Amino acid sequence: MARQTIPQSGLWSAITNLFNANFTELYTKQASGIYDYQDLATATTPISLTTPDTWYTLTNDGLGPNTNTTHALSSVADVWDSSIDSFDFSGLDLGDSVDIRMSIDVISGTNNQDFDVSLFVNDGGGGQYTLPFISQQSFKTPGTKSLIRFNSIYIGDDNTRNNPARFKIKSSAAGSVIVIGWYCRVIKRIP
């Protein structure tokens, strides 16, 4: 529906300002923003997974040529802090949500190797919890495999909003990983 302005005279004059204010608010609120962070460093120096069944942080410097935050929300500059390799949801409100597409290349070194990736929210803190992105993705033969997963998180409490969230990976055997990047769509709850 296109924006309509109600005339300010005649029968409607008493309620015109209320209607027009509501339409102005409806059509000027920004409901979502796009953030795309591409890693550059791991393209030449993959993250080594040397110890089986140990969690390793997935890094992303945000310096890849396809990093793009030009369509971000005006009220939220970034949701990724490359200086600590963590998502930063502190600029969001309770009830907002973030859709995340993670893209990585894993390099397996043995037959039947399993990989797991989870998002650790409040990593290392008292209220830590995990959201699985990839659970026991198994590859029969060694080599490089692309993994892309899409998941969503909502900002349901201050623990989620005010603490870092990190992607971590573990493998059943030695291997390595190249971070392609993550695309995020922040969806604002409009009361």
N, C-alpha and C. Protein backbone atom coordinates (compact mmCIF):
# COMPACT_ATOMS: atom_id res chain seq x y z
N MET A 1 0.84 -1.17 0.00
CA MET A 1 0.00 0.00 0.00
C MET A 1 0.89 1.23 0.00
N ALA A 2 0.59 2.16 -0.87
CA ALA A 2 1.35 3.40 -0.94
C ALA A 2 0.94 4.33 0.20
N ARG A 3 1.83 5.19 0.58
CA ARG A 3 1.55 6.12 1.66
C ARG A 3 0.45 7.08 1.25
N GLN A 4 -0.51 7.26 2.15
CA GLN A 4 -1.63 8.16 1.91
C GLN A 4 -1.63 9.24 2.99
N THR A 5 -1.91 10.47 2.61
CA THR A 5 -2.03 11.56 3.57
C THR A 5 -3.49 11.97 3.64
N ILE A 6 -3.99 12.02 4.84
CA ILE A 6 -5.39 12.35 5.04
C ILE A 6 -5.53 13.87 5.04
N PRO A 7 -6.54 14.41 4.35
CA PRO A 7 -6.74 15.87 4.30
C PRO A 7 -6.95 16.43 5.70
N GLN A 8 -6.56 17.70 5.90
CA GLN A 8 -6.66 18.31 7.22
C GLN A 8 -7.87 19.23 7.36
N SER A 9 -8.89 19.00 6.59
CA SER A 9 -10.08 19.84 6.69
C SER A 9 -11.33 18.96 6.64
N GLY A 10 -12.47 19.58 6.88
CA GLY A 10 -13.73 18.85 6.80
C GLY A 10 -13.95 17.95 8.01
N LEU A 11 -14.71 16.88 7.80
CA LEU A 11 -15.10 15.96 8.85
C LEU A 11 -13.91 15.33 9.57
N TRP A 12 -12.81 15.13 8.88
CA TRP A 12 -11.66 14.44 9.44
C TRP A 12 -10.70 15.35 10.21
N SER A 13 -10.95 16.62 10.26
CA SER A 13 -9.97 17.55 10.83
C SER A 13 -9.57 17.23 12.27
N ALA A 14 -10.47 16.66 13.07
CA ALA A 14 -10.16 16.38 14.48
C ALA A 14 -9.15 15.24 14.65
N ILE A 15 -9.15 14.30 13.73
CA ILE A 15 -8.26 13.14 13.90
C ILE A 15 -7.16 13.07 12.84
N THR A 16 -7.09 14.05 11.98
CA THR A 16 -6.10 14.06 10.91
C THR A 16 -4.67 13.94 11.42
N ASN A 17 -4.32 14.73 12.42
CA ASN A 17 -2.94 14.72 12.91
C ASN A 17 -2.55 13.35 13.46
N LEU A 18 -3.45 12.67 14.14
CA LEU A 18 -3.15 11.34 14.66
C LEU A 18 -2.87 10.35 13.53
N PHE A 19 -3.72 10.34 12.52
CA PHE A 19 -3.51 9.43 11.39
C PHE A 19 -2.20 9.73 10.66
N ASN A 20 -1.97 10.99 10.35
CA ASN A 20 -0.76 11.36 9.62
C ASN A 20 0.50 11.03 10.42
N ALA A 21 0.45 11.24 11.74
CA ALA A 21 1.61 10.89 12.59
C ALA A 21 1.87 9.38 12.54
N ASN A 22 0.81 8.59 12.57
CA ASN A 22 0.98 7.13 12.50
C ASN A 22 1.56 6.70 11.16
N PHE A 23 1.11 7.28 10.08
CA PHE A 23 1.65 6.93 8.77
C PHE A 23 3.11 7.35 8.65
N THR A 24 3.44 8.54 9.16
CA THR A 24 4.82 9.01 9.11
C THR A 24 5.73 8.04 9.86
N GLU A 25 5.31 7.62 11.06
CA GLU A 25 6.11 6.69 11.84
C GLU A 25 6.26 5.36 11.12
N LEU A 26 5.19 4.86 10.53
CA LEU A 26 5.21 3.58 9.82
C LEU A 26 6.17 3.61 8.64
N TYR A 27 6.18 4.68 7.89
CA TYR A 27 6.97 4.73 6.67
C TYR A 27 8.40 5.26 6.86
N THR A 28 8.74 5.72 8.06
CA THR A 28 10.10 6.21 8.26
C THR A 28 10.94 5.28 9.11
N LYS A 29 10.37 4.29 9.76
CA LYS A 29 11.15 3.35 10.56
C LYS A 29 11.88 2.36 9.67
N GLN A 30 13.13 2.16 9.97
CA GLN A 30 13.93 1.18 9.24
C GLN A 30 13.79 -0.15 9.97
N ALA A 31 13.36 -1.20 9.26
CA ALA A 31 13.05 -2.46 9.91
C ALA A 31 14.19 -3.47 9.85
N SER A 32 15.08 -3.36 8.88
CA SER A 32 16.16 -4.35 8.79
C SER A 32 17.40 -3.73 8.17
N GLY A 33 18.53 -4.39 8.43
CA GLY A 33 19.80 -3.95 7.86
C GLY A 33 20.64 -5.15 7.48
N ILE A 34 21.54 -4.96 6.51
CA ILE A 34 22.38 -6.04 5.98
C ILE A 34 23.85 -5.75 6.32
N TYR A 35 24.53 -6.80 6.78
CA TYR A 35 25.95 -6.73 7.14
C TYR A 35 26.62 -7.96 6.54
N ASP A 36 27.69 -7.76 5.80
CA ASP A 36 28.39 -8.89 5.17
C ASP A 36 29.88 -8.73 5.45
N TYR A 37 30.45 -9.71 6.16
CA TYR A 37 31.85 -9.63 6.58
C TYR A 37 32.64 -10.77 5.92
N GLN A 38 33.55 -10.43 5.04
CA GLN A 38 34.39 -11.43 4.38
C GLN A 38 35.79 -11.39 4.99
N ASP A 39 36.31 -12.59 5.29
CA ASP A 39 37.64 -12.70 5.87
C ASP A 39 38.69 -12.68 4.77
N LEU A 40 39.85 -12.11 5.07
CA LEU A 40 40.96 -12.10 4.14
C LEU A 40 42.11 -12.99 4.62
N ALA A 41 42.39 -12.98 5.91
CA ALA A 41 43.58 -13.65 6.45
C ALA A 41 43.59 -15.16 6.23
N THR A 42 42.47 -15.84 6.49
CA THR A 42 42.48 -17.31 6.42
C THR A 42 42.51 -17.83 4.98
N ALA A 43 42.31 -16.95 4.01
CA ALA A 43 42.42 -17.38 2.61
C ALA A 43 43.84 -17.83 2.29
N THR A 44 44.82 -17.19 2.94
CA THR A 44 46.22 -17.58 2.72
C THR A 44 46.80 -18.36 3.89
N THR A 45 46.24 -18.15 5.08
CA THR A 45 46.72 -18.87 6.28
C THR A 45 45.52 -19.47 7.00
N PRO A 46 45.11 -20.68 6.60
CA PRO A 46 43.94 -21.31 7.25
C PRO A 46 44.18 -21.54 8.75
N ILE A 47 43.10 -21.64 9.48
CA ILE A 47 43.16 -21.94 10.91
C ILE A 47 43.46 -23.44 11.06
N SER A 48 44.52 -23.76 11.79
CA SER A 48 44.90 -25.16 11.98
C SER A 48 44.10 -25.77 13.12
N LEU A 49 43.53 -26.93 12.85
CA LEU A 49 42.81 -27.70 13.86
C LEU A 49 43.71 -28.88 14.21
N THR A 50 44.60 -28.67 15.15
CA THR A 50 45.65 -29.66 15.41
C THR A 50 45.24 -30.72 16.43
N THR A 51 44.40 -30.36 17.39
CA THR A 51 44.01 -31.29 18.44
C THR A 51 42.56 -31.74 18.22
N PRO A 52 42.33 -33.03 18.00
CA PRO A 52 40.96 -33.51 17.78
C PRO A 52 40.03 -33.17 18.95
N ASP A 53 38.76 -32.93 18.61
CA ASP A 53 37.69 -32.69 19.58
C ASP A 53 37.98 -31.51 20.51
N THR A 54 38.66 -30.50 19.98
CA THR A 54 38.95 -29.26 20.71
C THR A 54 38.32 -28.10 19.95
N TRP A 55 37.64 -27.21 20.66
CA TRP A 55 37.00 -26.06 20.02
C TRP A 55 38.04 -24.99 19.68
N TYR A 56 37.99 -24.51 18.43
CA TYR A 56 38.85 -23.43 17.94
C TYR A 56 37.95 -22.28 17.47
N THR A 57 38.33 -21.05 17.84
CA THR A 57 37.56 -19.87 17.42
C THR A 57 37.76 -19.62 15.93
N LEU A 58 36.66 -19.37 15.22
CA LEU A 58 36.72 -18.97 13.81
C LEU A 58 36.94 -17.46 13.76
N THR A 59 38.02 -17.06 13.14
CA THR A 59 38.35 -15.64 13.04
C THR A 59 37.81 -15.06 11.73
N ASN A 60 37.58 -13.75 11.75
CA ASN A 60 37.13 -13.04 10.55
C ASN A 60 37.58 -11.60 10.70
N ASP A 61 38.54 -11.19 9.87
CA ASP A 61 39.09 -9.83 9.98
C ASP A 61 38.21 -8.78 9.28
N GLY A 62 37.22 -9.23 8.51
CA GLY A 62 36.34 -8.28 7.83
C GLY A 62 37.03 -7.45 6.76
N LEU A 63 38.20 -7.89 6.31
CA LEU A 63 38.98 -7.12 5.34
C LEU A 63 38.86 -7.64 3.91
N GLY A 64 38.06 -8.68 3.70
CA GLY A 64 37.89 -9.22 2.35
C GLY A 64 37.22 -8.21 1.43
N PRO A 65 37.47 -8.33 0.12
CA PRO A 65 36.94 -7.34 -0.83
C PRO A 65 35.41 -7.30 -0.91
N ASN A 66 34.75 -8.34 -0.45
CA ASN A 66 33.28 -8.36 -0.51
C ASN A 66 32.62 -7.96 0.80
N THR A 67 33.39 -7.47 1.77
CA THR A 67 32.78 -6.94 2.99
C THR A 67 31.92 -5.75 2.62
N ASN A 68 30.70 -5.73 3.15
CA ASN A 68 29.75 -4.69 2.76
C ASN A 68 28.81 -4.39 3.92
N THR A 69 28.87 -3.18 4.43
CA THR A 69 27.94 -2.75 5.48
C THR A 69 27.19 -1.48 5.06
N THR A 70 27.14 -1.22 3.78
CA THR A 70 26.48 0.00 3.30
C THR A 70 24.96 -0.05 3.48
N HIS A 71 24.41 -1.23 3.71
CA HIS A 71 22.96 -1.35 3.90
C HIS A 71 22.63 -1.65 5.36
N ALA A 72 23.52 -1.25 6.26
CA ALA A 72 23.33 -1.45 7.69
C ALA A 72 22.23 -0.55 8.21
N LEU A 73 21.71 -0.89 9.36
CA LEU A 73 20.76 -0.03 10.04
C LEU A 73 21.46 1.27 10.44
N SER A 74 20.77 2.37 10.34
CA SER A 74 21.38 3.64 10.74
C SER A 74 21.69 3.67 12.23
N SER A 75 20.96 2.90 13.02
CA SER A 75 21.15 2.90 14.48
C SER A 75 22.15 1.84 14.96
N VAL A 76 22.59 0.94 14.07
CA VAL A 76 23.51 -0.14 14.44
C VAL A 76 24.62 -0.20 13.40
N ALA A 77 25.78 0.36 13.74
CA ALA A 77 26.87 0.44 12.77
C ALA A 77 27.39 -0.93 12.37
N ASP A 78 27.59 -1.81 13.34
CA ASP A 78 28.15 -3.14 13.08
C ASP A 78 27.58 -4.15 14.06
N VAL A 79 27.59 -5.42 13.67
CA VAL A 79 27.26 -6.51 14.59
C VAL A 79 28.43 -7.47 14.72
N TRP A 80 29.54 -7.19 14.03
CA TRP A 80 30.74 -8.01 14.13
C TRP A 80 31.91 -7.14 14.57
N ASP A 81 32.64 -7.61 15.59
CA ASP A 81 33.82 -6.91 16.09
C ASP A 81 35.03 -7.76 15.74
N SER A 82 35.73 -7.40 14.67
CA SER A 82 36.86 -8.20 14.21
C SER A 82 38.05 -8.14 15.16
N SER A 83 38.11 -7.13 16.02
CA SER A 83 39.23 -7.03 16.95
C SER A 83 39.20 -8.13 18.01
N ILE A 84 38.01 -8.68 18.29
CA ILE A 84 37.90 -9.79 19.26
C ILE A 84 37.20 -11.00 18.64
N ASP A 85 37.04 -11.00 17.31
CA ASP A 85 36.41 -12.11 16.58
C ASP A 85 35.10 -12.55 17.22
N SER A 86 34.23 -11.58 17.43
CA SER A 86 32.96 -11.85 18.10
C SER A 86 31.83 -11.01 17.52
N PHE A 87 30.64 -11.57 17.59
CA PHE A 87 29.45 -10.77 17.31
C PHE A 87 29.21 -9.86 18.51
N ASP A 88 28.77 -8.66 18.21
CA ASP A 88 28.46 -7.67 19.23
C ASP A 88 27.01 -7.24 19.02
N PHE A 89 26.12 -7.73 19.86
CA PHE A 89 24.69 -7.44 19.73
C PHE A 89 24.25 -6.30 20.66
N SER A 90 25.19 -5.59 21.26
CA SER A 90 24.85 -4.58 22.27
C SER A 90 24.05 -3.41 21.70
N GLY A 91 24.13 -3.18 20.40
CA GLY A 91 23.37 -2.09 19.79
C GLY A 91 21.94 -2.46 19.45
N LEU A 92 21.55 -3.69 19.74
CA LEU A 92 20.21 -4.16 19.43
C LEU A 92 19.31 -4.05 20.65
N ASP A 93 18.02 -4.15 20.43
CA ASP A 93 17.04 -4.11 21.51
C ASP A 93 16.51 -5.51 21.77
N LEU A 94 16.00 -5.72 22.97
CA LEU A 94 15.35 -6.99 23.26
C LEU A 94 14.21 -7.20 22.28
N GLY A 95 14.11 -8.39 21.73
CA GLY A 95 13.08 -8.70 20.74
C GLY A 95 13.55 -8.59 19.31
N ASP A 96 14.71 -7.96 19.07
CA ASP A 96 15.29 -7.93 17.72
C ASP A 96 15.83 -9.31 17.39
N SER A 97 16.09 -9.58 16.13
CA SER A 97 16.68 -10.87 15.75
C SER A 97 17.77 -10.66 14.70
N VAL A 98 18.66 -11.66 14.62
CA VAL A 98 19.76 -11.62 13.67
C VAL A 98 19.79 -12.95 12.92
N ASP A 99 19.66 -12.88 11.61
CA ASP A 99 19.83 -14.06 10.76
C ASP A 99 21.30 -14.09 10.34
N ILE A 100 21.93 -15.26 10.46
CA ILE A 100 23.36 -15.38 10.16
C ILE A 100 23.59 -16.52 9.17
N ARG A 101 24.27 -16.21 8.07
CA ARG A 101 24.73 -17.25 7.14
C ARG A 101 26.24 -17.34 7.28
N MET A 102 26.70 -18.51 7.71
CA MET A 102 28.12 -18.75 7.90
C MET A 102 28.64 -19.54 6.70
N SER A 103 29.77 -19.13 6.15
CA SER A 103 30.37 -19.82 5.01
C SER A 103 31.85 -20.09 5.30
N ILE A 104 32.22 -21.38 5.29
CA ILE A 104 33.60 -21.78 5.55
C ILE A 104 33.99 -22.91 4.60
N ASP A 105 35.28 -23.09 4.41
CA ASP A 105 35.83 -24.25 3.72
C ASP A 105 36.62 -25.04 4.74
N VAL A 106 36.27 -26.32 4.91
CA VAL A 106 37.03 -27.17 5.81
C VAL A 106 37.94 -28.06 4.98
N ILE A 107 39.13 -28.31 5.51
CA ILE A 107 40.11 -29.15 4.82
C ILE A 107 40.34 -30.36 5.72
N SER A 108 39.78 -31.48 5.30
CA SER A 108 39.91 -32.70 6.10
C SER A 108 41.18 -33.43 5.70
N GLY A 109 41.77 -34.12 6.68
CA GLY A 109 43.03 -34.81 6.43
C GLY A 109 42.91 -36.32 6.47
N THR A 110 41.72 -36.83 6.77
CA THR A 110 41.57 -38.27 6.91
C THR A 110 40.18 -38.70 6.46
N ASN A 111 39.99 -39.96 6.27
CA ASN A 111 38.67 -40.50 5.91
C ASN A 111 37.71 -40.37 7.11
N ASN A 112 36.43 -40.19 6.79
CA ASN A 112 35.36 -40.16 7.80
C ASN A 112 35.61 -39.15 8.92
N GLN A 113 36.02 -37.97 8.53
CA GLN A 113 36.29 -36.90 9.49
C GLN A 113 35.03 -36.09 9.74
N ASP A 114 34.74 -35.82 11.03
CA ASP A 114 33.56 -35.05 11.43
C ASP A 114 33.94 -33.63 11.82
N PHE A 115 33.04 -32.68 11.49
CA PHE A 115 33.21 -31.28 11.88
C PHE A 115 31.94 -30.81 12.57
N ASP A 116 32.11 -30.00 13.61
CA ASP A 116 31.01 -29.36 14.31
C ASP A 116 31.31 -27.87 14.41
N VAL A 117 30.28 -27.04 14.23
CA VAL A 117 30.42 -25.59 14.41
C VAL A 117 29.24 -25.12 15.25
N SER A 118 29.55 -24.34 16.30
CA SER A 118 28.51 -23.76 17.14
C SER A 118 28.80 -22.29 17.39
N LEU A 119 27.75 -21.55 17.69
CA LEU A 119 27.88 -20.15 18.11
C LEU A 119 27.84 -20.16 19.64
N PHE A 120 28.94 -19.74 20.27
CA PHE A 120 29.04 -19.67 21.73
C PHE A 120 28.64 -18.26 22.16
N VAL A 121 27.50 -18.14 22.81
CA VAL A 121 27.02 -16.84 23.28
C VAL A 121 27.48 -16.65 24.72
N ASN A 122 27.99 -15.45 25.03
CA ASN A 122 28.61 -15.14 26.31
C ASN A 122 29.76 -16.12 26.53
N ASP A 123 30.61 -16.21 25.53
CA ASP A 123 31.71 -17.18 25.52
C ASP A 123 32.61 -17.02 26.74
N GLY A 124 32.65 -18.05 27.56
CA GLY A 124 33.48 -18.04 28.75
C GLY A 124 32.83 -17.41 29.96
N GLY A 125 31.65 -16.83 29.79
CA GLY A 125 30.97 -16.18 30.91
C GLY A 125 30.04 -17.13 31.65
N GLY A 126 29.46 -16.63 32.73
CA GLY A 126 28.59 -17.46 33.56
C GLY A 126 27.30 -17.89 32.89
N GLY A 127 26.82 -17.13 31.94
CA GLY A 127 25.57 -17.47 31.26
C GLY A 127 25.79 -18.03 29.87
N GLN A 128 26.94 -18.66 29.63
CA GLN A 128 27.26 -19.17 28.29
C GLN A 128 26.25 -20.23 27.83
N TYR A 129 25.87 -20.13 26.57
CA TYR A 129 25.09 -21.18 25.92
C TYR A 129 25.53 -21.28 24.48
N THR A 130 25.21 -22.39 23.83
CA THR A 130 25.65 -22.60 22.46
C THR A 130 24.45 -22.84 21.55
N LEU A 131 24.62 -22.38 20.31
CA LEU A 131 23.65 -22.65 19.25
C LEU A 131 24.37 -23.43 18.16
N PRO A 132 24.03 -24.70 17.96
CA PRO A 132 24.69 -25.49 16.92
C PRO A 132 24.37 -24.95 15.52
N PHE A 133 25.38 -24.82 14.70
CA PHE A 133 25.19 -24.48 13.30
C PHE A 133 25.43 -25.72 12.43
N ILE A 134 26.47 -26.48 12.76
CA ILE A 134 26.78 -27.72 12.03
C ILE A 134 27.04 -28.80 13.07
N SER A 135 26.33 -29.91 12.96
CA SER A 135 26.51 -31.02 13.90
C SER A 135 27.00 -32.25 13.16
N GLN A 136 28.18 -32.69 13.49
CA GLN A 136 28.80 -33.90 12.96
C GLN A 136 28.67 -34.02 11.44
N GLN A 137 29.11 -32.98 10.76
CA GLN A 137 29.19 -33.04 9.30
C GLN A 137 30.37 -33.93 8.95
N SER A 138 30.09 -35.07 8.36
CA SER A 138 31.12 -36.07 8.11
C SER A 138 31.50 -36.09 6.62
N PHE A 139 32.81 -36.25 6.37
CA PHE A 139 33.31 -36.37 5.01
C PHE A 139 34.06 -37.68 4.87
N LYS A 140 33.67 -38.46 3.88
CA LYS A 140 34.24 -39.80 3.69
C LYS A 140 35.69 -39.77 3.27
N THR A 141 36.04 -38.76 2.46
CA THR A 141 37.41 -38.71 1.93
C THR A 141 38.06 -37.37 2.26
N PRO A 142 39.40 -37.34 2.35
CA PRO A 142 40.10 -36.08 2.63
C PRO A 142 39.92 -35.08 1.49
N GLY A 143 40.07 -33.81 1.83
CA GLY A 143 39.98 -32.76 0.82
C GLY A 143 39.29 -31.52 1.36
N THR A 144 39.07 -30.55 0.48
CA THR A 144 38.42 -29.30 0.85
C THR A 144 36.93 -29.37 0.53
N LYS A 145 36.13 -29.03 1.53
CA LYS A 145 34.67 -29.06 1.38
C LYS A 145 34.11 -27.71 1.84
N SER A 146 33.15 -27.20 1.09
CA SER A 146 32.48 -25.95 1.46
C SER A 146 31.29 -26.24 2.36
N LEU A 147 31.17 -25.47 3.43
CA LEU A 147 30.04 -25.60 4.35
C LEU A 147 29.38 -24.24 4.49
N ILE A 148 28.08 -24.20 4.22
CA ILE A 148 27.31 -22.98 4.36
C ILE A 148 26.08 -23.32 5.18
N ARG A 149 25.88 -22.57 6.25
CA ARG A 149 24.72 -22.80 7.11
C ARG A 149 24.07 -21.47 7.44
N PHE A 150 22.75 -21.52 7.56
CA PHE A 150 21.95 -20.34 7.86
C PHE A 150 21.17 -20.63 9.13
N ASN A 151 21.23 -19.70 10.09
CA ASN A 151 20.50 -19.87 11.34
C ASN A 151 20.10 -18.48 11.83
N SER A 152 19.28 -18.46 12.85
CA SER A 152 18.79 -17.19 13.38
C SER A 152 18.92 -17.19 14.90
N ILE A 153 19.15 -16.01 15.43
CA ILE A 153 19.20 -15.84 16.88
C ILE A 153 18.37 -14.60 17.21
N TYR A 154 17.62 -14.69 18.30
CA TYR A 154 16.88 -13.49 18.71
C TYR A 154 17.47 -12.98 20.02
N ILE A 155 17.34 -11.69 20.22
CA ILE A 155 17.89 -11.05 21.40
C ILE A 155 16.81 -11.10 22.48
N GLY A 156 16.84 -12.19 23.23
CA GLY A 156 15.78 -12.45 24.21
C GLY A 156 16.10 -11.99 25.62
N ASP A 157 17.37 -11.69 25.88
CA ASP A 157 17.74 -11.25 27.23
C ASP A 157 19.04 -10.45 27.17
N ASP A 158 19.37 -9.83 28.30
CA ASP A 158 20.59 -9.02 28.36
C ASP A 158 21.85 -9.87 28.26
N ASN A 159 21.79 -11.12 28.68
CA ASN A 159 22.94 -12.02 28.54
C ASN A 159 23.34 -12.15 27.07
N THR A 160 22.36 -12.29 26.20
CA THR A 160 22.61 -12.41 24.76
C THR A 160 23.04 -11.07 24.17
N ARG A 161 22.37 -10.03 24.59
CA ARG A 161 22.62 -8.71 24.01
C ARG A 161 23.97 -8.12 24.42
N ASN A 162 24.38 -8.31 25.65
CA ASN A 162 25.52 -7.58 26.19
C ASN A 162 26.82 -8.36 26.26
N ASN A 163 26.86 -9.56 25.69
CA ASN A 163 28.07 -10.37 25.75
C ASN A 163 28.47 -10.84 24.35
N PRO A 164 29.77 -11.10 24.15
CA PRO A 164 30.23 -11.52 22.83
C PRO A 164 29.72 -12.91 22.46
N ALA A 165 29.56 -13.13 21.18
CA ALA A 165 29.18 -14.45 20.65
C ALA A 165 30.20 -14.82 19.58
N ARG A 166 30.77 -16.03 19.70
CA ARG A 166 31.84 -16.46 18.78
C ARG A 166 31.50 -17.77 18.12
N PHE A 167 31.85 -17.86 16.83
CA PHE A 167 31.79 -19.15 16.15
C PHE A 167 33.01 -19.96 16.56
N LYS A 168 32.79 -21.24 16.87
CA LYS A 168 33.89 -22.15 17.15
C LYS A 168 33.66 -23.45 16.38
N ILE A 169 34.78 -24.08 16.03
CA ILE A 169 34.74 -25.32 15.26
C ILE A 169 35.58 -26.39 15.97
N LYS A 170 35.14 -27.62 15.86
CA LYS A 170 35.97 -28.73 16.32
C LYS A 170 35.88 -29.84 15.28
N SER A 171 36.90 -30.69 15.28
CA SER A 171 37.01 -31.77 14.30
C SER A 171 37.44 -33.05 15.00
N SER A 172 37.04 -34.16 14.42
CA SER A 172 37.41 -35.46 15.00
C SER A 172 38.85 -35.84 14.71
N ALA A 173 39.51 -35.10 13.82
CA ALA A 173 40.91 -35.36 13.48
C ALA A 173 41.55 -34.04 13.05
N ALA A 174 42.85 -34.05 12.88
CA ALA A 174 43.55 -32.82 12.46
C ALA A 174 43.04 -32.37 11.10
N GLY A 175 42.97 -31.07 10.92
CA GLY A 175 42.54 -30.48 9.66
C GLY A 175 42.74 -28.97 9.72
N SER A 176 42.06 -28.24 8.87
CA SER A 176 42.14 -26.78 8.89
C SER A 176 40.87 -26.20 8.31
N VAL A 177 40.72 -24.91 8.47
CA VAL A 177 39.50 -24.23 8.01
C VAL A 177 39.84 -22.85 7.46
N ILE A 178 39.16 -22.52 6.37
CA ILE A 178 39.23 -21.19 5.77
C ILE A 178 37.88 -20.53 6.00
N VAL A 179 37.89 -19.36 6.59
CA VAL A 179 36.64 -18.61 6.80
C VAL A 179 36.38 -17.77 5.55
N ILE A 180 35.27 -18.05 4.90
CA ILE A 180 34.85 -17.20 3.77
C ILE A 180 34.21 -15.94 4.35
N GLY A 181 33.25 -16.12 5.24
CA GLY A 181 32.65 -14.97 5.91
C GLY A 181 31.27 -15.25 6.44
N TRP A 182 30.63 -14.20 6.96
CA TRP A 182 29.25 -14.31 7.40
C TRP A 182 28.45 -13.10 6.93
N TYR A 183 27.27 -13.45 6.49
CA TYR A 183 26.27 -12.45 6.12
C TYR A 183 25.27 -12.40 7.27
N CYS A 184 24.90 -11.21 7.69
CA CYS A 184 23.94 -11.04 8.78
C CYS A 184 22.82 -10.09 8.33
N ARG A 185 21.61 -10.46 8.69
CA ARG A 185 20.47 -9.56 8.50
C ARG A 185 19.88 -9.29 9.87
N VAL A 186 19.93 -8.04 10.29
CA VAL A 186 19.35 -7.64 11.57
C VAL A 186 17.92 -7.19 11.32
N ILE A 187 17.01 -7.76 12.07
CA ILE A 187 15.60 -7.43 11.94
C ILE A 187 15.14 -6.77 13.25
N LYS A 188 14.74 -5.52 13.14
CA LYS A 188 14.31 -4.76 14.31
C LYS A 188 12.85 -5.05 14.61
N ARG A 189 12.57 -5.23 15.89
CA ARG A 189 11.18 -5.37 16.31
C ARG A 189 10.59 -3.97 16.39
N ILE A 190 9.50 -3.76 15.69
CA ILE A 190 8.86 -2.45 15.69
C ILE A 190 7.64 -2.55 16.60
N PRO A 191 7.70 -1.88 17.75
CA PRO A 191 6.58 -1.98 18.71
C PRO A 191 5.32 -1.34 18.17
